[in-house]
Amino acid sequence: MRANEFIIERKGHLRGSHQRAMHRSHAYKDGHHAGNNYNFYRVGMAAAMADGSNKKLDIDDRTWYHNNNLAVPYTEHEHKMMHQAFGSVDSDVEEIVHDHSSKESKHTNNTSPVPTKRTNKYGV
């Protein structure tokens, strides 16, 4: 059986059997026209902060990522590849981090919590 045999979608309407199976469903769009993926991400972040009360959350609905995609190449060669792609697709590019060396935060634990392997008198 194919999915289109039991799921019929009409623009703007759900069948009654589908509505009964989808308890308290919501369809939502981005009010700023930034794209559905970004809006889906921000609503998920806000839902994670929510406590179920009707108080408005202290969260920005738009961040720097609202209008910007982000590419983070790891190597110098990948960096050059991205600039080649940006030039080919006529992109407005801003290099926001100029230092090309990746550094851990000073708060990152850099010692293993797992003790080193010890051998017994038989070498095992």
PDB file of N, CA and C in Angstrom:
ATOM      1  N   MET A   1       0.840  -1.173   0.000  1.00  0.00           N
ATOM      2  CA  MET A   1       0.000   0.000   0.000  1.00  0.00           C
ATOM      3  C   MET A   1       0.890   1.243   0.000  1.00  0.00           C
ATOM      4  N   ARG A   2       0.584   2.188  -0.843  1.00  0.00           N
ATOM      5  CA  ARG A   2       1.367   3.410  -0.933  1.00  0.00           C
ATOM      6  C   ARG A   2       0.779   4.472  -0.011  1.00  0.00           C
ATOM      7  N   ALA A   3       1.648   5.387   0.422  1.00  0.00           N
ATOM      8  CA  ALA A   3       1.216   6.420   1.356  1.00  0.00           C
ATOM      9  C   ALA A   3       0.125   7.293   0.770  1.00  0.00           C
ATOM     10  N   ASN A   4       0.190   7.557  -0.534  1.00  0.00           N
ATOM     11  CA  ASN A   4      -0.841   8.413  -1.112  1.00  0.00           C
ATOM     12  C   ASN A   4      -2.202   7.729  -1.186  1.00  0.00           C
ATOM     13  N   GLU A   5      -2.267   6.453  -0.894  1.00  0.00           N
ATOM     14  CA  GLU A   5      -3.547   5.751  -0.853  1.00  0.00           C
ATOM     15  C   GLU A   5      -4.277   5.954   0.466  1.00  0.00           C
ATOM     16  N   PHE A   6      -3.528   6.262   1.546  1.00  0.00           N
ATOM     17  CA  PHE A   6      -4.206   6.465   2.831  1.00  0.00           C
ATOM     18  C   PHE A   6      -3.991   7.865   3.405  1.00  0.00           C
ATOM     19  N   ILE A   7      -3.112   8.661   2.812  1.00  0.00           N
ATOM     20  CA  ILE A   7      -2.942  10.049   3.238  1.00  0.00           C
ATOM     21  C   ILE A   7      -3.304  10.939   2.057  1.00  0.00           C
ATOM     22  N   ILE A   8      -4.373  11.681   2.215  1.00  0.00           N
ATOM     23  CA  ILE A   8      -4.807  12.607   1.176  1.00  0.00           C
ATOM     24  C   ILE A   8      -4.727  14.009   1.761  1.00  0.00           C
ATOM     25  N   GLU A   9      -3.918  14.838   1.146  1.00  0.00           N
ATOM     26  CA  GLU A   9      -3.778  16.216   1.607  1.00  0.00           C
ATOM     27  C   GLU A   9      -4.448  17.138   0.607  1.00  0.00           C
ATOM     28  N   ARG A  10      -5.217  18.040   1.118  1.00  0.00           N
ATOM     29  CA  ARG A  10      -5.784  19.096   0.298  1.00  0.00           C
ATOM     30  C   ARG A  10      -5.270  20.399   0.860  1.00  0.00           C
ATOM     31  N   LYS A  11      -5.035  21.338   0.000  1.00  0.00           N
ATOM     32  CA  LYS A  11      -4.449  22.602   0.421  1.00  0.00           C
ATOM     33  C   LYS A  11      -5.322  23.260   1.486  1.00  0.00           C
ATOM     34  N   GLY A  12      -4.772  23.385   2.689  1.00  0.00           N
ATOM     35  CA  GLY A  12      -5.469  24.073   3.766  1.00  0.00           C
ATOM     36  C   GLY A  12      -6.464  23.239   4.545  1.00  0.00           C
ATOM     37  N   HIS A  13      -6.627  21.974   4.211  1.00  0.00           N
ATOM     38  CA  HIS A  13      -7.645  21.162   4.892  1.00  0.00           C
ATOM     39  C   HIS A  13      -7.083  19.789   5.251  1.00  0.00           C
ATOM     40  N   LEU A  14      -7.467  19.300   6.404  1.00  0.00           N
ATOM     41  CA  LEU A  14      -7.155  17.934   6.814  1.00  0.00           C
ATOM     42  C   LEU A  14      -8.438  17.143   6.873  1.00  0.00           C
ATOM     43  N   ARG A  15      -8.363  15.888   6.529  1.00  0.00           N
ATOM     44  CA  ARG A  15      -9.533  15.021   6.643  1.00  0.00           C
ATOM     45  C   ARG A  15      -9.899  14.871   8.113  1.00  0.00           C
ATOM     46  N   GLY A  16     -11.146  14.608   8.382  1.00  0.00           N
ATOM     47  CA  GLY A  16     -11.625  14.461   9.753  1.00  0.00           C
ATOM     48  C   GLY A  16     -10.911  13.360  10.509  1.00  0.00           C
ATOM     49  N   SER A  17     -10.622  12.239   9.842  1.00  0.00           N
ATOM     50  CA  SER A  17      -9.924  11.140  10.509  1.00  0.00           C
ATOM     51  C   SER A  17      -8.515  11.555  10.903  1.00  0.00           C
ATOM     52  N   HIS A  18      -7.886  12.389  10.098  1.00  0.00           N
ATOM     53  CA  HIS A  18      -6.549  12.877  10.436  1.00  0.00           C
ATOM     54  C   HIS A  18      -6.627  13.869  11.588  1.00  0.00           C
ATOM     55  N   GLN A  19      -7.626  14.733  11.579  1.00  0.00           N
ATOM     56  CA  GLN A  19      -7.778  15.700  12.656  1.00  0.00           C
ATOM     57  C   GLN A  19      -8.005  15.004  13.994  1.00  0.00           C
ATOM     58  N   ARG A  20      -8.793  13.935  14.004  1.00  0.00           N
ATOM     59  CA  ARG A  20      -9.047  13.213  15.255  1.00  0.00           C
ATOM     60  C   ARG A  20      -7.779  12.533  15.774  1.00  0.00           C
ATOM     61  N   ALA A  21      -6.864  12.169  14.881  1.00  0.00           N
ATOM     62  CA  ALA A  21      -5.630  11.495  15.294  1.00  0.00           C
ATOM     63  C   ALA A  21      -4.553  12.481  15.739  1.00  0.00           C
ATOM     64  N   MET A  22      -4.726  13.763  15.441  1.00  0.00           N
ATOM     65  CA  MET A  22      -3.696  14.771  15.738  1.00  0.00           C
ATOM     66  C   MET A  22      -4.207  15.675  16.842  1.00  0.00           C
ATOM     67  N   HIS A  23      -4.051  15.255  18.078  1.00  0.00           N
ATOM     68  CA  HIS A  23      -4.559  15.973  19.240  1.00  0.00           C
ATOM     69  C   HIS A  23      -3.810  17.290  19.439  1.00  0.00           C
ATOM     70  N   ARG A  24      -4.509  18.399  19.496  1.00  0.00           N
ATOM     71  CA  ARG A  24      -3.969  19.740  19.749  1.00  0.00           C
ATOM     72  C   ARG A  24      -2.774  20.080  18.869  1.00  0.00           C
ATOM     73  N   SER A  25      -2.926  19.918  17.592  1.00  0.00           N
ATOM     74  CA  SER A  25      -1.855  20.229  16.650  1.00  0.00           C
ATOM     75  C   SER A  25      -1.889  21.705  16.289  1.00  0.00           C
ATOM     76  N   HIS A  26      -0.716  22.248  15.982  1.00  0.00           N
ATOM     77  CA  HIS A  26      -0.591  23.650  15.606  1.00  0.00           C
ATOM     78  C   HIS A  26       0.201  23.743  14.302  1.00  0.00           C
ATOM     79  N   ALA A  27      -0.251  24.602  13.413  1.00  0.00           N
ATOM     80  CA  ALA A  27       0.521  24.945  12.225  1.00  0.00           C
ATOM     81  C   ALA A  27       0.954  26.388  12.413  1.00  0.00           C
ATOM     82  N   TYR A  28       2.232  26.662  12.232  1.00  0.00           N
ATOM     83  CA  TYR A  28       2.710  28.025  12.450  1.00  0.00           C
ATOM     84  C   TYR A  28       3.721  28.407  11.389  1.00  0.00           C
ATOM     85  N   LYS A  29       3.789  29.709  11.130  1.00  0.00           N
ATOM     86  CA  LYS A  29       4.723  30.268  10.162  1.00  0.00           C
ATOM     87  C   LYS A  29       5.560  31.323  10.854  1.00  0.00           C
ATOM     88  N   ASP A  30       6.611  31.703  10.192  1.00  0.00           N
ATOM     89  CA  ASP A  30       7.474  32.762  10.681  1.00  0.00           C
ATOM     90  C   ASP A  30       6.868  34.105  10.306  1.00  0.00           C
ATOM     91  N   GLY A  31       6.694  34.974  11.282  1.00  0.00           N
ATOM     92  CA  GLY A  31       6.153  36.298  11.020  1.00  0.00           C
ATOM     93  C   GLY A  31       7.153  37.243  10.388  1.00  0.00           C
ATOM     94  N   HIS A  32       8.434  36.873  10.380  1.00  0.00           N
ATOM     95  CA  HIS A  32       9.472  37.750   9.829  1.00  0.00           C
ATOM     96  C   HIS A  32       9.965  37.271   8.471  1.00  0.00           C
ATOM     97  N   HIS A  33       9.406  36.211   7.950  1.00  0.00           N
ATOM     98  CA  HIS A  33       9.768  35.635   6.650  1.00  0.00           C
ATOM     99  C   HIS A  33      11.238  35.241   6.590  1.00  0.00           C
ATOM    100  N   ALA A  34      11.751  34.682   7.675  1.00  0.00           N
ATOM    101  CA  ALA A  34      13.145  34.262   7.710  1.00  0.00           C
ATOM    102  C   ALA A  34      13.318  32.829   7.242  1.00  0.00           C
ATOM    103  N   GLY A  35      12.260  32.093   7.125  1.00  0.00           N
ATOM    104  CA  GLY A  35      12.356  30.710   6.688  1.00  0.00           C
ATOM    105  C   GLY A  35      11.816  29.770   7.753  1.00  0.00           C
ATOM    106  N   ASN A  36      11.200  28.697   7.318  1.00  0.00           N
ATOM    107  CA  ASN A  36      10.554  27.776   8.250  1.00  0.00           C
ATOM    108  C   ASN A  36      11.536  27.040   9.143  1.00  0.00           C
ATOM    109  N   ASN A  37      12.710  26.694   8.645  1.00  0.00           N
ATOM    110  CA  ASN A  37      13.666  25.958   9.472  1.00  0.00           C
ATOM    111  C   ASN A  37      14.135  26.791  10.647  1.00  0.00           C
ATOM    112  N   TYR A  38      14.432  28.052  10.403  1.00  0.00           N
ATOM    113  CA  TYR A  38      14.877  28.924  11.490  1.00  0.00           C
ATOM    114  C   TYR A  38      13.761  29.121  12.509  1.00  0.00           C
ATOM    115  N   ASN A  39      12.550  29.368  12.026  1.00  0.00           N
ATOM    116  CA  ASN A  39      11.416  29.561  12.928  1.00  0.00           C
ATOM    117  C   ASN A  39      11.158  28.300  13.746  1.00  0.00           C
ATOM    118  N   PHE A  40      11.248  27.142  13.131  1.00  0.00           N
ATOM    119  CA  PHE A  40      11.069  25.873  13.827  1.00  0.00           C
ATOM    120  C   PHE A  40      12.103  25.737  14.943  1.00  0.00           C
ATOM    121  N   TYR A  41      13.346  26.108  14.661  1.00  0.00           N
ATOM    122  CA  TYR A  41      14.427  26.066  15.646  1.00  0.00           C
ATOM    123  C   TYR A  41      14.139  27.014  16.808  1.00  0.00           C
ATOM    124  N   ARG A  42      13.751  28.269  16.523  1.00  0.00           N
ATOM    125  CA  ARG A  42      13.515  29.256  17.576  1.00  0.00           C
ATOM    126  C   ARG A  42      12.303  28.884  18.425  1.00  0.00           C
ATOM    127  N   VAL A  43      11.246  28.373  17.830  1.00  0.00           N
ATOM    128  CA  VAL A  43      10.079  27.941  18.606  1.00  0.00           C
ATOM    129  C   VAL A  43      10.467  26.770  19.503  1.00  0.00           C
ATOM    130  N   GLY A  44      11.294  25.865  19.011  1.00  0.00           N
ATOM    131  CA  GLY A  44      11.775  24.759  19.840  1.00  0.00           C
ATOM    132  C   GLY A  44      12.607  25.254  21.011  1.00  0.00           C
ATOM    133  N   MET A  45      13.450  26.261  20.798  1.00  0.00           N
ATOM    134  CA  MET A  45      14.244  26.839  21.889  1.00  0.00           C
ATOM    135  C   MET A  45      13.318  27.491  22.927  1.00  0.00           C
ATOM    136  N   ALA A  46      12.319  28.224  22.458  1.00  0.00           N
ATOM    137  CA  ALA A  46      11.390  28.886  23.370  1.00  0.00           C
ATOM    138  C   ALA A  46      10.569  27.854  24.135  1.00  0.00           C
ATOM    139  N   ALA A  47      10.162  26.778  23.474  1.00  0.00           N
ATOM    140  CA  ALA A  47       9.398  25.734  24.148  1.00  0.00           C
ATOM    141  C   ALA A  47      10.230  25.059  25.230  1.00  0.00           C
ATOM    142  N   ALA A  48      11.530  24.925  25.010  1.00  0.00           N
ATOM    143  CA  ALA A  48      12.412  24.331  26.020  1.00  0.00           C
ATOM    144  C   ALA A  48      12.536  25.234  27.242  1.00  0.00           C
ATOM    145  N   MET A  49      12.361  26.546  27.055  1.00  0.00           N
ATOM    146  CA  MET A  49      12.434  27.491  28.170  1.00  0.00           C
ATOM    147  C   MET A  49      11.088  27.655  28.882  1.00  0.00           C
ATOM    148  N   ALA A  50      10.018  27.251  28.234  1.00  0.00           N
ATOM    149  CA  ALA A  50       8.676  27.501  28.759  1.00  0.00           C
ATOM    150  C   ALA A  50       8.373  26.628  29.965  1.00  0.00           C
ATOM    151  N   ASP A  51       7.502  27.147  30.860  1.00  0.00           N
ATOM    152  CA  ASP A  51       7.093  26.391  32.037  1.00  0.00           C
ATOM    153  C   ASP A  51       5.592  26.115  32.065  1.00  0.00           C
ATOM    154  N   GLY A  52       4.868  26.490  31.015  1.00  0.00           N
ATOM    155  CA  GLY A  52       3.443  26.221  30.944  1.00  0.00           C
ATOM    156  C   GLY A  52       2.574  27.363  31.453  1.00  0.00           C
ATOM    157  N   SER A  53       3.177  28.372  32.076  1.00  0.00           N
ATOM    158  CA  SER A  53       2.397  29.531  32.495  1.00  0.00           C
ATOM    159  C   SER A  53       2.167  30.417  31.276  1.00  0.00           C
ATOM    160  N   ASN A  54       1.345  31.418  31.417  1.00  0.00           N
ATOM    161  CA  ASN A  54       1.070  32.303  30.294  1.00  0.00           C
ATOM    162  C   ASN A  54       1.996  33.507  30.251  1.00  0.00           C
ATOM    163  N   LYS A  55       3.074  33.489  31.033  1.00  0.00           N
ATOM    164  CA  LYS A  55       4.014  34.604  31.022  1.00  0.00           C
ATOM    165  C   LYS A  55       4.830  34.574  29.729  1.00  0.00           C
ATOM    166  N   LYS A  56       5.060  35.770  29.164  1.00  0.00           N
ATOM    167  CA  LYS A  56       5.891  35.855  27.969  1.00  0.00           C
ATOM    168  C   LYS A  56       7.336  35.561  28.355  1.00  0.00           C
ATOM    169  N   LEU A  57       8.004  34.781  27.529  1.00  0.00           N
ATOM    170  CA  LEU A  57       9.384  34.397  27.793  1.00  0.00           C
ATOM    171  C   LEU A  57      10.333  35.526  27.449  1.00  0.00           C
ATOM    172  N   ASP A  58      11.414  35.616  28.177  1.00  0.00           N
ATOM    173  CA  ASP A  58      12.457  36.612  27.920  1.00  0.00           C
ATOM    174  C   ASP A  58      13.441  36.025  26.917  1.00  0.00           C
ATOM    175  N   ILE A  59      13.046  35.990  25.656  1.00  0.00           N
ATOM    176  CA  ILE A  59      13.881  35.431  24.593  1.00  0.00           C
ATOM    177  C   ILE A  59      13.682  36.286  23.349  1.00  0.00           C
ATOM    178  N   ASP A  60      14.775  36.557  22.653  1.00  0.00           N
ATOM    179  CA  ASP A  60      14.674  37.280  21.391  1.00  0.00           C
ATOM    180  C   ASP A  60      14.143  36.320  20.336  1.00  0.00           C
ATOM    181  N   ASP A  61      13.161  36.768  19.570  1.00  0.00           N
ATOM    182  CA  ASP A  61      12.647  35.886  18.526  1.00  0.00           C
ATOM    183  C   ASP A  61      13.551  35.879  17.299  1.00  0.00           C
ATOM    184  N   ARG A  62      14.435  36.858  17.202  1.00  0.00           N
ATOM    185  CA  ARG A  62      15.401  36.892  16.103  1.00  0.00           C
ATOM    186  C   ARG A  62      16.794  37.111  16.678  1.00  0.00           C
ATOM    187  N   THR A  63      17.763  36.448  16.122  1.00  0.00           N
ATOM    188  CA  THR A  63      19.153  36.620  16.532  1.00  0.00           C
ATOM    189  C   THR A  63      19.968  36.963  15.299  1.00  0.00           C
ATOM    190  N   TRP A  64      21.269  36.977  15.452  1.00  0.00           N
ATOM    191  CA  TRP A  64      22.151  37.257  14.323  1.00  0.00           C
ATOM    192  C   TRP A  64      21.915  36.245  13.205  1.00  0.00           C
ATOM    193  N   TYR A  65      21.558  35.022  13.551  1.00  0.00           N
ATOM    194  CA  TYR A  65      21.341  33.975  12.556  1.00  0.00           C
ATOM    195  C   TYR A  65      20.057  34.165  11.780  1.00  0.00           C
ATOM    196  N   HIS A  66      19.229  35.113  12.188  1.00  0.00           N
ATOM    197  CA  HIS A  66      17.939  35.333  11.539  1.00  0.00           C
ATOM    198  C   HIS A  66      18.093  35.536  10.035  1.00  0.00           C
ATOM    199  N   ASN A  67      19.001  36.380   9.638  1.00  0.00           N
ATOM    200  CA  ASN A  67      19.179  36.679   8.222  1.00  0.00           C
ATOM    201  C   ASN A  67      20.476  36.134   7.648  1.00  0.00           C
ATOM    202  N   ASN A  68      21.220  35.373   8.422  1.00  0.00           N
ATOM    203  CA  ASN A  68      22.526  34.900   7.972  1.00  0.00           C
ATOM    204  C   ASN A  68      22.623  33.388   8.064  1.00  0.00           C
ATOM    205  N   ASN A  69      23.146  32.789   7.028  1.00  0.00           N
ATOM    206  CA  ASN A  69      23.551  31.392   7.101  1.00  0.00           C
ATOM    207  C   ASN A  69      24.983  31.371   7.610  1.00  0.00           C
ATOM    208  N   LEU A  70      25.427  30.244   8.097  1.00  0.00           N
ATOM    209  CA  LEU A  70      26.760  30.176   8.685  1.00  0.00           C
ATOM    210  C   LEU A  70      27.522  29.000   8.093  1.00  0.00           C
ATOM    211  N   ALA A  71      28.717  29.270   7.606  1.00  0.00           N
ATOM    212  CA  ALA A  71      29.613  28.225   7.116  1.00  0.00           C
ATOM    213  C   ALA A  71      30.875  28.275   7.958  1.00  0.00           C
ATOM    214  N   VAL A  72      31.301  27.125   8.469  1.00  0.00           N
ATOM    215  CA  VAL A  72      32.481  27.051   9.327  1.00  0.00           C
ATOM    216  C   VAL A  72      33.430  26.004   8.749  1.00  0.00           C
ATOM    217  N   PRO A  73      34.270  26.389   7.782  1.00  0.00           N
ATOM    218  CA  PRO A  73      35.222  25.426   7.238  1.00  0.00           C
ATOM    219  C   PRO A  73      36.341  25.164   8.243  1.00  0.00           C
ATOM    220  N   TYR A  74      36.800  23.937   8.302  1.00  0.00           N
ATOM    221  CA  TYR A  74      37.820  23.551   9.284  1.00  0.00           C
ATOM    222  C   TYR A  74      39.232  23.812   8.793  1.00  0.00           C
ATOM    223  N   THR A  75      39.484  23.570   7.537  1.00  0.00           N
ATOM    224  CA  THR A  75      40.850  23.705   7.032  1.00  0.00           C
ATOM    225  C   THR A  75      40.948  24.913   6.108  1.00  0.00           C
ATOM    226  N   GLU A  76      42.179  25.310   5.806  1.00  0.00           N
ATOM    227  CA  GLU A  76      42.405  26.430   4.884  1.00  0.00           C
ATOM    228  C   GLU A  76      41.885  26.083   3.492  1.00  0.00           C
ATOM    229  N   HIS A  77      42.054  24.827   3.090  1.00  0.00           N
ATOM    230  CA  HIS A  77      41.568  24.393   1.779  1.00  0.00           C
ATOM    231  C   HIS A  77      40.039  24.504   1.712  1.00  0.00           C
ATOM    232  N   GLU A  78      39.335  24.079   2.761  1.00  0.00           N
ATOM    233  CA  GLU A  78      37.877  24.201   2.794  1.00  0.00           C
ATOM    234  C   GLU A  78      37.461  25.671   2.802  1.00  0.00           C
ATOM    235  N   HIS A  79      38.245  26.518   3.462  1.00  0.00           N
ATOM    236  CA  HIS A  79      37.978  27.953   3.478  1.00  0.00           C
ATOM    237  C   HIS A  79      38.034  28.514   2.054  1.00  0.00           C
ATOM    238  N   LYS A  80      39.040  28.124   1.297  1.00  0.00           N
ATOM    239  CA  LYS A  80      39.161  28.565  -0.088  1.00  0.00           C
ATOM    240  C   LYS A  80      38.017  28.007  -0.933  1.00  0.00           C
ATOM    241  N   MET A  81      37.627  26.762  -0.668  1.00  0.00           N
ATOM    242  CA  MET A  81      36.507  26.167  -1.400  1.00  0.00           C
ATOM    243  C   MET A  81      35.213  26.947  -1.165  1.00  0.00           C
ATOM    244  N   MET A  82      34.980  27.370   0.083  1.00  0.00           N
ATOM    245  CA  MET A  82      33.768  28.133   0.393  1.00  0.00           C
ATOM    246  C   MET A  82      33.776  29.475  -0.339  1.00  0.00           C
ATOM    247  N   HIS A  83      34.919  30.156  -0.375  1.00  0.00           N
ATOM    248  CA  HIS A  83      34.983  31.437  -1.075  1.00  0.00           C
ATOM    249  C   HIS A  83      34.806  31.256  -2.573  1.00  0.00           C
ATOM    250  N   GLN A  84      35.275  30.147  -3.113  1.00  0.00           N
ATOM    251  CA  GLN A  84      35.043  29.841  -4.520  1.00  0.00           C
ATOM    252  C   GLN A  84      33.545  29.652  -4.761  1.00  0.00           C
ATOM    253  N   ALA A  85      32.871  28.950  -3.857  1.00  0.00           N
ATOM    254  CA  ALA A  85      31.428  28.732  -3.983  1.00  0.00           C
ATOM    255  C   ALA A  85      30.651  30.036  -3.814  1.00  0.00           C
ATOM    256  N   PHE A  86      31.048  30.878  -2.853  1.00  0.00           N
ATOM    257  CA  PHE A  86      30.373  32.160  -2.648  1.00  0.00           C
ATOM    258  C   PHE A  86      30.458  33.025  -3.901  1.00  0.00           C
ATOM    259  N   GLY A  87      31.622  33.018  -4.561  1.00  0.00           N
ATOM    260  CA  GLY A  87      31.781  33.802  -5.779  1.00  0.00           C
ATOM    261  C   GLY A  87      30.951  33.272  -6.924  1.00  0.00           C
ATOM    262  N   SER A  88      30.761  31.976  -6.961  1.00  0.00           N
ATOM    263  CA  SER A  88      29.989  31.365  -8.041  1.00  0.00           C
ATOM    264  C   SER A  88      28.494  31.580  -7.891  1.00  0.00           C
ATOM    265  N   VAL A  89      28.022  31.747  -6.665  1.00  0.00           N
ATOM    266  CA  VAL A  89      26.585  31.860  -6.408  1.00  0.00           C
ATOM    267  C   VAL A  89      26.199  33.291  -6.049  1.00  0.00           C
ATOM    268  N   ASP A  90      27.096  34.239  -6.244  1.00  0.00           N
ATOM    269  CA  ASP A  90      26.845  35.656  -5.976  1.00  0.00           C
ATOM    270  C   ASP A  90      26.262  35.859  -4.581  1.00  0.00           C
ATOM    271  N   SER A  91      27.082  35.592  -3.582  1.00  0.00           N
ATOM    272  CA  SER A  91      26.657  35.692  -2.186  1.00  0.00           C
ATOM    273  C   SER A  91      27.265  36.923  -1.537  1.00  0.00           C
ATOM    274  N   ASP A  92      26.515  37.533  -0.638  1.00  0.00           N
ATOM    275  CA  ASP A  92      27.012  38.644   0.164  1.00  0.00           C
ATOM    276  C   ASP A  92      27.659  38.031   1.398  1.00  0.00           C
ATOM    277  N   VAL A  93      28.997  38.009   1.449  1.00  0.00           N
ATOM    278  CA  VAL A  93      29.731  37.266   2.468  1.00  0.00           C
ATOM    279  C   VAL A  93      30.435  38.225   3.411  1.00  0.00           C
ATOM    280  N   GLU A  94      30.348  37.931   4.687  1.00  0.00           N
ATOM    281  CA  GLU A  94      31.100  38.658   5.704  1.00  0.00           C
ATOM    282  C   GLU A  94      31.861  37.633   6.527  1.00  0.00           C
ATOM    283  N   GLU A  95      33.166  37.750   6.564  1.00  0.00           N
ATOM    284  CA  GLU A  95      33.968  36.835   7.373  1.00  0.00           C
ATOM    285  C   GLU A  95      33.992  37.392   8.792  1.00  0.00           C
ATOM    286  N   ILE A  96      33.253  36.761   9.693  1.00  0.00           N
ATOM    287  CA  ILE A  96      33.069  37.315  11.038  1.00  0.00           C
ATOM    288  C   ILE A  96      34.181  36.931  11.996  1.00  0.00           C
ATOM    289  N   VAL A  97      34.861  35.821  11.745  1.00  0.00           N
ATOM    290  CA  VAL A  97      35.994  35.409  12.580  1.00  0.00           C
ATOM    291  C   VAL A  97      37.189  35.254  11.651  1.00  0.00           C
ATOM    292  N   HIS A  98      38.225  36.048  11.896  1.00  0.00           N
ATOM    293  CA  HIS A  98      39.383  36.053  11.008  1.00  0.00           C
ATOM    294  C   HIS A  98      40.483  35.109  11.472  1.00  0.00           C
ATOM    295  N   ASP A  99      40.471  34.721  12.733  1.00  0.00           N
ATOM    296  CA  ASP A  99      41.483  33.811  13.250  1.00  0.00           C
ATOM    297  C   ASP A  99      41.126  32.401  12.801  1.00  0.00           C
ATOM    298  N   HIS A 100      42.023  31.752  12.106  1.00  0.00           N
ATOM    299  CA  HIS A 100      41.706  30.436  11.541  1.00  0.00           C
ATOM    300  C   HIS A 100      42.189  29.275  12.382  1.00  0.00           C
ATOM    301  N   SER A 101      42.552  29.532  13.630  1.00  0.00           N
ATOM    302  CA  SER A 101      42.967  28.421  14.481  1.00  0.00           C
ATOM    303  C   SER A 101      41.875  28.168  15.515  1.00  0.00           C
ATOM    304  N   SER A 102      41.477  26.945  15.650  1.00  0.00           N
ATOM    305  CA  SER A 102      40.425  26.570  16.586  1.00  0.00           C
ATOM    306  C   SER A 102      41.033  26.353  17.970  1.00  0.00           C
ATOM    307  N   LYS A 103      40.472  26.999  18.966  1.00  0.00           N
ATOM    308  CA  LYS A 103      40.990  26.877  20.330  1.00  0.00           C
ATOM    309  C   LYS A 103      39.853  26.489  21.264  1.00  0.00           C
ATOM    310  N   GLU A 104      40.168  25.634  22.216  1.00  0.00           N
ATOM    311  CA  GLU A 104      39.187  25.257  23.230  1.00  0.00           C
ATOM    312  C   GLU A 104      39.003  26.396  24.222  1.00  0.00           C
ATOM    313  N   SER A 105      37.836  26.471  24.804  1.00  0.00           N
ATOM    314  CA  SER A 105      37.591  27.441  25.865  1.00  0.00           C
ATOM    315  C   SER A 105      38.457  27.093  27.064  1.00  0.00           C
ATOM    316  N   LYS A 106      38.849  28.104  27.839  1.00  0.00           N
ATOM    317  CA  LYS A 106      39.689  27.831  29.008  1.00  0.00           C
ATOM    318  C   LYS A 106      38.930  27.030  30.060  1.00  0.00           C
ATOM    319  N   HIS A 107      37.606  26.952  29.944  1.00  0.00           N
ATOM    320  CA  HIS A 107      36.796  26.193  30.890  1.00  0.00           C
ATOM    321  C   HIS A 107      36.616  24.739  30.473  1.00  0.00           C
ATOM    322  N   THR A 108      37.133  24.373  29.310  1.00  0.00           N
ATOM    323  CA  THR A 108      36.998  23.008  28.829  1.00  0.00           C
ATOM    324  C   THR A 108      37.916  22.083  29.616  1.00  0.00           C
ATOM    325  N   ASN A 109      37.371  20.973  30.082  1.00  0.00           N
ATOM    326  CA  ASN A 109      38.173  19.996  30.805  1.00  0.00           C
ATOM    327  C   ASN A 109      39.058  19.261  29.796  1.00  0.00           C
ATOM    328  N   ASN A 110      40.353  19.332  29.964  1.00  0.00           N
ATOM    329  CA  ASN A 110      41.245  18.679  29.012  1.00  0.00           C
ATOM    330  C   ASN A 110      41.978  17.482  29.607  1.00  0.00           C
ATOM    331  N   THR A 111      41.507  17.007  30.744  1.00  0.00           N
ATOM    332  CA  THR A 111      42.043  15.759  31.304  1.00  0.00           C
ATOM    333  C   THR A 111      40.908  14.755  31.388  1.00  0.00           C
ATOM    334  N   SER A 112      41.213  13.521  31.121  1.00  0.00           N
ATOM    335  CA  SER A 112      40.197  12.484  31.086  1.00  0.00           C
ATOM    336  C   SER A 112      39.770  12.087  32.504  1.00  0.00           C
ATOM    337  N   PRO A 113      38.468  11.945  32.742  1.00  0.00           N
ATOM    338  CA  PRO A 113      38.010  11.473  34.042  1.00  0.00           C
ATOM    339  C   PRO A 113      38.181   9.960  34.208  1.00  0.00           C
ATOM    340  N   VAL A 114      38.513   9.280  33.122  1.00  0.00           N
ATOM    341  CA  VAL A 114      38.694   7.827  33.158  1.00  0.00           C
ATOM    342  C   VAL A 114      40.143   7.538  33.547  1.00  0.00           C
ATOM    343  N   PRO A 115      40.348   6.721  34.572  1.00  0.00           N
ATOM    344  CA  PRO A 115      41.731   6.434  34.971  1.00  0.00           C
ATOM    345  C   PRO A 115      42.468   5.646  33.879  1.00  0.00           C
ATOM    346  N   THR A 116      43.770   5.788  33.873  1.00  0.00           N
ATOM    347  CA  THR A 116      44.563   5.061  32.884  1.00  0.00           C
ATOM    348  C   THR A 116      44.517   3.565  33.170  1.00  0.00           C
ATOM    349  N   LYS A 117      44.681   2.790  32.114  1.00  0.00           N
ATOM    350  CA  LYS A 117      44.631   1.348  32.238  1.00  0.00           C
ATOM    351  C   LYS A 117      45.841   0.846  33.011  1.00  0.00           C
ATOM    352  N   ARG A 118      45.591   0.013  34.019  1.00  0.00           N
ATOM    353  CA  ARG A 118      46.687  -0.572  34.794  1.00  0.00           C
ATOM    354  C   ARG A 118      46.761  -2.075  34.506  1.00  0.00           C
ATOM    355  N   THR A 119      47.944  -2.582  34.491  1.00  0.00           N
ATOM    356  CA  THR A 119      48.110  -4.014  34.257  1.00  0.00           C
ATOM    357  C   THR A 119      48.444  -4.707  35.575  1.00  0.00           C
ATOM    358  N   ASN A 120      48.083  -5.972  35.647  1.00  0.00           N
ATOM    359  CA  ASN A 120      48.407  -6.743  36.838  1.00  0.00           C
ATOM    360  C   ASN A 120      49.812  -7.354  36.679  1.00  0.00           C
ATOM    361  N   LYS A 121      50.197  -8.196  37.622  1.00  0.00           N
ATOM    362  CA  LYS A 121      51.547  -8.752  37.579  1.00  0.00           C
ATOM    363  C   LYS A 121      51.783  -9.678  36.397  1.00  0.00           C
ATOM    364  N   TYR A 122      50.681 -10.096  35.731  1.00  0.00           N
ATOM    365  CA  TYR A 122      50.794 -10.977  34.553  1.00  0.00           C
ATOM    366  C   TYR A 122      50.796 -10.184  33.256  1.00  0.00           C
ATOM    367  N   GLY A 123      50.706  -8.876  33.342  1.00  0.00           N
ATOM    368  CA  GLY A 123      50.713  -8.046  32.155  1.00  0.00           C
ATOM    369  C   GLY A 123      49.368  -7.881  31.502  1.00  0.00           C
ATOM    370  N   VAL A 124      48.304  -8.320  32.195  1.00  0.00           N
ATOM    371  CA  VAL A 124      46.953  -8.222  31.617  1.00  0.00           C
ATOM    372  C   VAL A 124      46.202  -7.095  32.291  1.00  0.00           C
TER     373      VAL A 124
END
